[in-house]
Amino acid sequence: MIRFAAIGLDHRHIYHMVAELSAAGAECAGYCPSTSDPRVLAGFRERFPHLEPVDRRRLLEDPTIAVVCSAAIPRDRAGIAIEAMRRGKDVMVDKPGVTTSAQLAAVEACVAETGRIFSVCFSERFVVRAAEVAARIVADGGIGTVVQTIGIGPHRLNRAIRPAWFFDPAAYGGILVDIASHQIDQFLFFTGSTDAVIVASAVANHAVRDIPAFADFGEILLRSDRASGYIRVDWYTPDGLPAWGDGRLTILGTDGTIELRKYVDIAGRPGADHVFVADRKGTRHIDASAEPLTYFRHFLDDVRDRSESAMPQSHVFRVTRLSLEAEARAARIGQPAA
């Protein structure tokens, strides 16, 4: 059995990483309790009362632990990953995996040197059952050739409970590095693209004016040799929505369209994971709430077999590089052009 450890309990995404790795058949050997947010640690202990806190150094030095998963402060994830890989462990980190180009270069060099896996858990695809259904429809040719995606990632700000690093661009990388990495991942995956160019990108701070460096809105226009995509991300989810965000993905094919309503169908069907399809046969709704998640099982297969069934390593690096480029080139809405 593959044993793993959790190091970096700073974001709640650590919950589904530990839960899904365990459900896929791995054994959690313990967690480092160090955190910047005691609420995350408290929630972790509530969900996993059987797990023991262990000193970070002991976890890294334990030769029986094959995998380290981390949802540390984003600026710290690359360092944790590199240290773990140099100790012979594969790594699964929350997005964003890195926050700077220098970190990306260091991670790429470490992967090349050690042969370890550096995987980013893009939860808006890998922990969304609707995305599993959409992937199968696309792979089966159900909507023809995919020529465009429109991905939107609205989030609830929950300002009162956010730690200080959440508002520091140096700590989280910026809104396009952080949130939009999800939509870049989905664009490349669903269009079958191995690369893309950032045509345009922009960020803005419309509602958190007392923290000028923070961005609460972002958008990207990107294009590959076979498709185009538009991305919009924001921190404007209203309190009245019964989910943290009305995340959606529209996949346009030459023979039909798929729309994912990932977390809520507002004023409609209850629950999450709604798939709407329009094709040559007509229109239909698919309830994907019982669809199995495959990423975590495939990741463990890759750890055992040294394969790339969960996600190619090159894809991880390409998504990361594009999100960093989009952030670096982004126009600032509300400021005069340079």
Protein backbone atom coordinates (compact mmCIF):
# COMPACT_ATOMS: atom_id res chain seq x y z
CA MET A 1 0.00 0.00 0.00
CA ILE A 2 1.24 3.49 -0.87
CA ARG A 3 1.72 5.67 2.18
CA PHE A 4 1.45 9.47 2.02
CA ALA A 5 1.82 12.46 4.32
CA ALA A 6 0.16 15.88 4.42
CA ILE A 7 2.49 18.85 4.84
CA GLY A 8 0.99 22.32 4.48
CA LEU A 9 -2.42 22.72 6.10
CA ASP A 10 -3.03 26.32 5.05
CA HIS A 11 -5.92 25.87 2.61
CA ARG A 12 -9.06 23.75 2.90
CA HIS A 13 -8.25 21.94 -0.33
CA ILE A 14 -6.07 19.69 1.79
CA TYR A 15 -9.30 18.04 2.95
CA HIS A 16 -10.26 16.56 -0.40
CA MET A 17 -6.65 15.68 -1.25
CA VAL A 18 -6.31 13.54 1.88
CA ALA A 19 -9.84 12.14 1.63
CA GLU A 20 -9.61 11.18 -2.04
CA LEU A 21 -6.11 9.70 -1.81
CA SER A 22 -7.34 7.59 1.09
CA ALA A 23 -10.47 6.57 -0.82
CA ALA A 24 -8.27 5.55 -3.76
CA GLY A 25 -6.43 3.10 -1.55
CA ALA A 26 -3.47 5.01 -0.07
CA GLU A 27 -2.68 5.20 3.64
CA CYS A 28 -2.07 8.55 5.34
CA ALA A 29 0.95 8.19 7.62
CA GLY A 30 0.30 11.49 9.38
CA TYR A 31 0.27 15.24 8.97
CA CYS A 32 2.38 18.20 9.98
CA PRO A 33 0.13 20.41 12.16
CA SER A 34 1.96 23.65 11.31
CA THR A 35 -0.48 26.13 9.74
CA SER A 36 -1.12 29.82 9.09
CA ASP A 37 -4.84 29.29 9.65
CA PRO A 38 -5.95 27.48 12.84
CA ARG A 39 -9.43 27.06 11.34
CA VAL A 40 -8.03 24.83 8.60
CA LEU A 41 -6.20 22.72 11.16
CA ALA A 42 -9.34 22.43 13.30
CA GLY A 43 -11.36 21.34 10.29
CA PHE A 44 -8.69 18.79 9.37
CA ARG A 45 -8.74 17.26 12.84
CA GLU A 46 -12.53 17.13 12.79
CA ARG A 47 -12.57 15.30 9.46
CA PHE A 48 -9.64 12.97 10.18
CA PRO A 49 -9.62 12.35 13.95
CA HIS A 50 -7.77 9.05 13.49
CA LEU A 51 -4.70 10.70 11.93
CA GLU A 52 -1.71 11.62 14.07
CA PRO A 53 0.25 14.90 13.96
CA VAL A 54 3.90 14.24 13.12
CA ASP A 55 6.89 16.57 12.93
CA ARG A 56 7.52 17.70 9.35
CA ARG A 57 11.13 16.50 9.41
CA ARG A 58 10.10 13.00 10.48
CA LEU A 59 7.59 12.80 7.65
CA LEU A 60 10.14 13.89 5.06
CA GLU A 61 12.79 11.50 6.37
CA ASP A 62 10.47 8.47 6.60
CA PRO A 63 11.49 6.13 3.74
CA THR A 64 8.14 4.32 3.87
CA ILE A 65 6.26 7.47 2.79
CA ALA A 66 6.10 7.63 -1.01
CA VAL A 67 3.96 10.74 -1.51
CA VAL A 68 3.65 14.19 0.04
CA CYS A 69 0.50 16.22 -0.55
CA SER A 70 0.43 19.92 0.27
CA ALA A 71 -1.94 22.88 0.42
CA ALA A 72 0.58 25.21 2.04
CA ILE A 73 0.66 28.97 1.48
CA PRO A 74 1.11 29.08 -2.32
CA ARG A 75 4.56 30.72 -2.20
CA ASP A 76 5.79 27.82 -0.02
CA ARG A 77 4.52 24.92 -2.13
CA ALA A 78 7.44 24.75 -4.53
CA GLY A 79 9.95 24.61 -1.69
CA ILE A 80 8.08 21.80 0.06
CA ALA A 81 7.75 19.91 -3.22
CA ILE A 82 11.45 20.22 -4.04
CA GLU A 83 12.50 19.04 -0.60
CA ALA A 84 10.14 16.06 -0.81
CA MET A 85 11.26 15.10 -4.33
CA ARG A 86 14.91 15.23 -3.34
CA ARG A 87 14.04 12.75 -0.60
CA GLY A 88 12.59 10.34 -3.14
CA LYS A 89 8.92 11.21 -2.79
CA ASP A 90 6.33 12.07 -5.40
CA VAL A 91 4.29 15.20 -4.80
CA MET A 92 0.71 16.37 -5.16
CA VAL A 93 0.14 20.06 -4.46
CA ASP A 94 -2.90 22.27 -4.48
CA LYS A 95 -3.05 24.88 -7.20
CA PRO A 96 -1.12 27.07 -7.82
CA GLY A 97 1.88 24.78 -7.64
CA VAL A 98 4.27 27.72 -7.92
CA THR A 99 3.94 31.50 -7.75
CA THR A 100 7.00 32.71 -9.72
CA SER A 101 8.92 31.79 -12.86
CA ALA A 102 12.01 31.14 -10.74
CA GLN A 103 10.08 28.59 -8.68
CA LEU A 104 8.82 26.92 -11.84
CA ALA A 105 12.36 26.62 -13.21
CA ALA A 106 13.54 25.12 -9.91
CA VAL A 107 10.71 22.57 -9.85
CA GLU A 108 11.30 21.59 -13.48
CA ALA A 109 15.00 21.10 -12.77
CA CYS A 110 14.22 18.98 -9.71
CA VAL A 111 11.82 16.75 -11.65
CA ALA A 112 14.43 16.25 -14.35
CA GLU A 113 17.10 15.48 -11.75
CA THR A 114 15.10 13.14 -9.52
CA GLY A 115 12.54 11.56 -11.86
CA ARG A 116 9.83 12.29 -9.29
CA ILE A 117 6.23 13.28 -10.08
CA PHE A 118 5.12 16.87 -9.47
CA SER A 119 1.34 16.92 -9.84
CA VAL A 120 -1.01 19.83 -9.30
CA CYS A 121 -4.50 18.89 -8.14
CA PHE A 122 -6.65 21.09 -10.37
CA SER A 123 -9.73 20.52 -8.25
CA GLU A 124 -12.16 22.27 -10.60
CA ARG A 125 -11.57 19.35 -12.98
CA PHE A 126 -10.29 16.49 -10.83
CA VAL A 127 -12.82 16.86 -7.99
CA VAL A 128 -15.77 17.68 -10.26
CA ARG A 129 -17.79 14.66 -11.31
CA ALA A 130 -19.43 16.60 -14.12
CA ALA A 131 -15.99 17.04 -15.69
CA GLU A 132 -15.59 13.25 -15.80
CA VAL A 133 -18.80 12.95 -17.84
CA ALA A 134 -17.80 15.80 -20.15
CA ALA A 135 -14.38 14.23 -20.75
CA ARG A 136 -16.00 10.98 -21.81
CA ILE A 137 -18.44 12.72 -24.19
CA VAL A 138 -15.62 14.69 -25.80
CA ALA A 139 -13.37 11.62 -26.09
CA ASP A 140 -16.20 9.69 -27.75
CA GLY A 141 -16.65 12.45 -30.35
CA GLY A 142 -20.10 13.32 -29.02
CA ILE A 143 -19.85 17.01 -29.92
CA GLY A 144 -17.37 16.75 -32.78
CA THR A 145 -14.12 18.69 -32.70
CA VAL A 146 -13.81 21.06 -29.73
CA VAL A 147 -13.00 24.57 -30.99
CA GLN A 148 -13.57 26.76 -27.92
CA THR A 149 -14.03 26.73 -24.17
CA ILE A 150 -15.47 29.42 -21.94
CA GLY A 151 -14.53 28.88 -18.32
CA ILE A 152 -15.73 31.03 -15.45
CA GLY A 153 -14.58 30.65 -11.87
CA PRO A 154 -16.47 32.90 -9.47
CA HIS A 155 -15.63 32.53 -5.77
CA ARG A 156 -17.01 33.85 -2.50
CA LEU A 157 -14.54 36.21 -0.83
CA ASN A 158 -15.35 35.32 2.79
CA ARG A 159 -13.09 38.18 3.77
CA ALA A 160 -13.61 37.90 7.53
CA ILE A 161 -12.10 34.42 7.70
CA ARG A 162 -9.26 34.78 5.20
CA PRO A 163 -5.67 34.76 6.54
CA ALA A 164 -3.43 37.75 5.80
CA TRP A 165 -1.46 35.95 3.06
CA PHE A 166 -4.64 35.57 1.02
CA PHE A 167 -4.50 39.30 0.16
CA ASP A 168 -0.74 39.43 -0.57
CA PRO A 169 0.04 38.87 -4.29
CA ALA A 170 3.57 37.76 -3.40
CA ALA A 171 2.06 34.99 -1.27
CA TYR A 172 -0.71 33.71 -3.57
CA GLY A 173 0.69 34.69 -6.97
CA GLY A 174 -2.19 36.85 -8.19
CA ILE A 175 -5.72 35.97 -9.25
CA LEU A 176 -4.71 34.59 -12.67
CA VAL A 177 -1.97 32.38 -11.22
CA ASP A 178 -4.24 31.21 -8.44
CA ILE A 179 -7.77 30.73 -9.74
CA ALA A 180 -7.38 30.92 -13.54
CA SER A 181 -4.90 28.04 -13.58
CA HIS A 182 -8.01 25.83 -13.30
CA GLN A 183 -9.53 27.21 -16.47
CA ILE A 184 -6.24 27.08 -18.39
CA ASP A 185 -5.97 23.41 -17.42
CA GLN A 186 -9.48 22.77 -18.70
CA PHE A 187 -8.86 24.63 -21.96
CA LEU A 188 -5.78 22.57 -22.80
CA PHE A 189 -7.40 19.30 -21.73
CA PHE A 190 -10.77 19.61 -23.44
CA THR A 191 -9.38 21.06 -26.68
CA GLY A 192 -6.57 18.51 -26.85
CA SER A 193 -4.00 21.31 -27.03
CA THR A 194 -0.40 20.81 -25.90
CA ASP A 195 0.38 24.52 -25.88
CA ALA A 196 -1.30 27.92 -26.17
CA VAL A 197 -0.54 31.62 -26.33
CA ILE A 198 -1.94 34.34 -24.11
CA VAL A 199 -3.62 36.77 -26.50
CA ALA A 200 -4.70 39.19 -23.76
CA SER A 201 -5.19 39.27 -20.01
CA ALA A 202 -6.40 41.77 -17.45
CA VAL A 203 -7.02 42.10 -13.72
CA ALA A 204 -8.89 44.59 -11.57
CA ASN A 205 -9.77 45.50 -8.00
CA HIS A 206 -13.35 46.70 -8.03
CA ALA A 207 -14.54 45.91 -4.51
CA VAL A 208 -11.55 45.58 -2.14
CA ARG A 209 -10.23 49.09 -2.59
CA ASP A 210 -8.59 49.28 0.86
CA ILE A 211 -6.05 46.67 -0.31
CA PRO A 212 -4.89 48.19 -3.63
CA ALA A 213 -2.50 45.36 -4.57
CA PHE A 214 -5.28 42.76 -4.40
CA ALA A 215 -7.17 41.77 -7.56
CA ASP A 216 -10.76 40.53 -7.31
CA PHE A 217 -11.41 40.18 -11.07
CA GLY A 218 -9.40 38.65 -13.88
CA GLU A 219 -9.83 37.57 -17.49
CA ILE A 220 -7.78 35.82 -20.15
CA LEU A 221 -8.14 35.31 -23.88
CA LEU A 222 -5.96 32.43 -25.08
CA ARG A 223 -5.51 30.49 -28.29
CA SER A 224 -3.87 27.28 -29.45
CA ASP A 225 -3.23 25.90 -32.91
CA ARG A 226 -6.69 24.33 -32.86
CA ALA A 227 -8.97 26.25 -30.51
CA SER A 228 -9.59 29.45 -28.59
CA GLY A 229 -10.70 30.12 -25.05
CA TYR A 230 -12.01 32.81 -22.73
CA ILE A 231 -11.59 32.78 -18.96
CA ARG A 232 -13.21 34.94 -16.28
CA VAL A 233 -12.48 34.63 -12.57
CA ASP A 234 -13.67 36.78 -9.67
CA TRP A 235 -14.34 37.06 -5.94
CA TYR A 236 -17.94 38.33 -6.25
CA THR A 237 -20.11 35.30 -5.38
CA PRO A 238 -23.06 36.77 -3.44
CA ASP A 239 -24.00 35.46 -0.02
CA GLY A 240 -27.39 34.40 -1.35
CA LEU A 241 -25.92 31.69 -3.60
CA PRO A 242 -26.06 28.29 -1.86
CA ALA A 243 -22.52 27.38 -2.98
CA TRP A 244 -19.12 29.03 -2.86
CA GLY A 245 -19.30 29.81 -6.57
CA ASP A 246 -21.37 29.20 -9.70
CA GLY A 247 -18.48 27.64 -11.60
CA ARG A 248 -19.29 26.87 -15.21
CA LEU A 249 -17.56 25.51 -18.28
CA THR A 250 -18.96 25.68 -21.80
CA ILE A 251 -17.32 23.40 -24.37
CA LEU A 252 -18.12 24.27 -27.99
CA GLY A 253 -17.76 21.53 -30.57
CA THR A 254 -18.46 21.42 -34.27
CA ASP A 255 -21.42 19.10 -33.62
CA GLY A 256 -22.72 20.31 -30.28
CA THR A 257 -22.07 21.95 -26.94
CA ILE A 258 -21.63 20.87 -23.35
CA GLU A 259 -22.21 23.14 -20.37
CA LEU A 260 -21.10 22.16 -16.90
CA ARG A 261 -22.85 23.75 -13.95
CA LYS A 262 -20.36 22.40 -11.46
CA TYR A 263 -21.62 23.43 -8.07
CA VAL A 264 -25.16 24.72 -8.38
CA ASP A 265 -28.01 24.95 -10.89
CA ILE A 266 -29.47 28.25 -9.77
CA ALA A 267 -33.27 28.24 -9.42
CA GLY A 268 -33.27 24.75 -10.91
CA ARG A 269 -32.29 21.20 -9.99
CA PRO A 270 -30.85 20.55 -6.53
CA GLY A 271 -27.28 19.48 -5.84
CA ALA A 272 -24.10 19.83 -7.88
CA ASP A 273 -22.48 18.29 -10.99
CA HIS A 274 -25.01 19.17 -13.68
CA VAL A 275 -24.15 18.50 -17.34
CA PHE A 276 -26.22 19.99 -20.16
CA VAL A 277 -25.68 18.65 -23.67
CA ALA A 278 -26.98 19.87 -27.01
CA ASP A 279 -26.07 17.73 -30.01
CA ARG A 280 -27.52 16.37 -33.25
CA LYS A 281 -29.93 14.17 -31.29
CA GLY A 282 -31.40 16.96 -29.17
CA THR A 283 -30.83 18.33 -25.69
CA ARG A 284 -30.46 16.57 -22.37
CA HIS A 285 -29.45 16.98 -18.75
CA ILE A 286 -27.09 14.49 -17.08
CA ASP A 287 -26.89 14.14 -13.32
CA ALA A 288 -23.19 13.43 -12.78
CA SER A 289 -23.30 13.43 -8.98
CA ALA A 290 -22.54 9.69 -8.76
CA GLU A 291 -19.78 9.65 -11.38
CA PRO A 292 -16.51 8.23 -9.98
CA LEU A 293 -13.48 10.52 -9.70
CA THR A 294 -10.44 9.08 -11.48
CA TYR A 295 -7.51 11.45 -10.92
CA PHE A 296 -6.47 10.17 -7.49
CA ARG A 297 -6.60 6.52 -8.52
CA HIS A 298 -4.58 7.25 -11.65
CA PHE A 299 -2.09 9.31 -9.65
CA LEU A 300 -1.44 6.32 -7.37
CA ASP A 301 -1.07 4.13 -10.47
CA ASP A 302 1.56 6.55 -11.72
CA VAL A 303 3.42 6.40 -8.40
CA ARG A 304 3.55 2.61 -8.68
CA ASP A 305 4.17 2.32 -12.42
CA ARG A 306 6.15 5.53 -13.12
CA SER A 307 3.57 6.41 -15.75
CA GLU A 308 1.54 9.53 -16.66
CA SER A 309 -2.03 8.28 -16.64
CA ALA A 310 -3.40 10.99 -14.33
CA MET A 311 -1.87 13.92 -16.18
CA PRO A 312 1.29 14.39 -18.29
CA GLN A 313 4.08 16.19 -16.47
CA SER A 314 4.43 18.50 -19.45
CA HIS A 315 0.79 19.54 -19.04
CA VAL A 316 1.39 20.58 -15.43
CA PHE A 317 4.30 22.77 -16.43
CA ARG A 318 2.48 24.23 -19.44
CA VAL A 319 -0.56 25.28 -17.39
CA THR A 320 1.71 26.82 -14.77
CA ARG A 321 3.79 28.70 -17.32
CA LEU A 322 0.72 30.09 -19.08
CA SER A 323 -0.86 31.28 -15.83
CA LEU A 324 2.38 33.02 -14.81
CA GLU A 325 2.59 34.66 -18.24
CA ALA A 326 -1.04 35.81 -18.11
CA GLU A 327 -0.47 37.37 -14.69
CA ALA A 328 2.77 39.07 -15.73
CA ARG A 329 1.23 40.56 -18.87
CA ALA A 330 -2.13 41.51 -17.41
CA ALA A 331 -3.44 45.02 -17.97
CA ARG A 332 -4.78 46.65 -14.81
CA ILE A 333 -8.38 47.73 -15.42
CA GLY A 334 -9.04 51.14 -13.90
CA GLN A 335 -5.48 52.34 -14.39
CA PRO A 336 -4.16 54.40 -17.30
CA ALA A 337 -2.44 52.40 -20.04
CA ALA A 338 1.35 52.51 -19.85
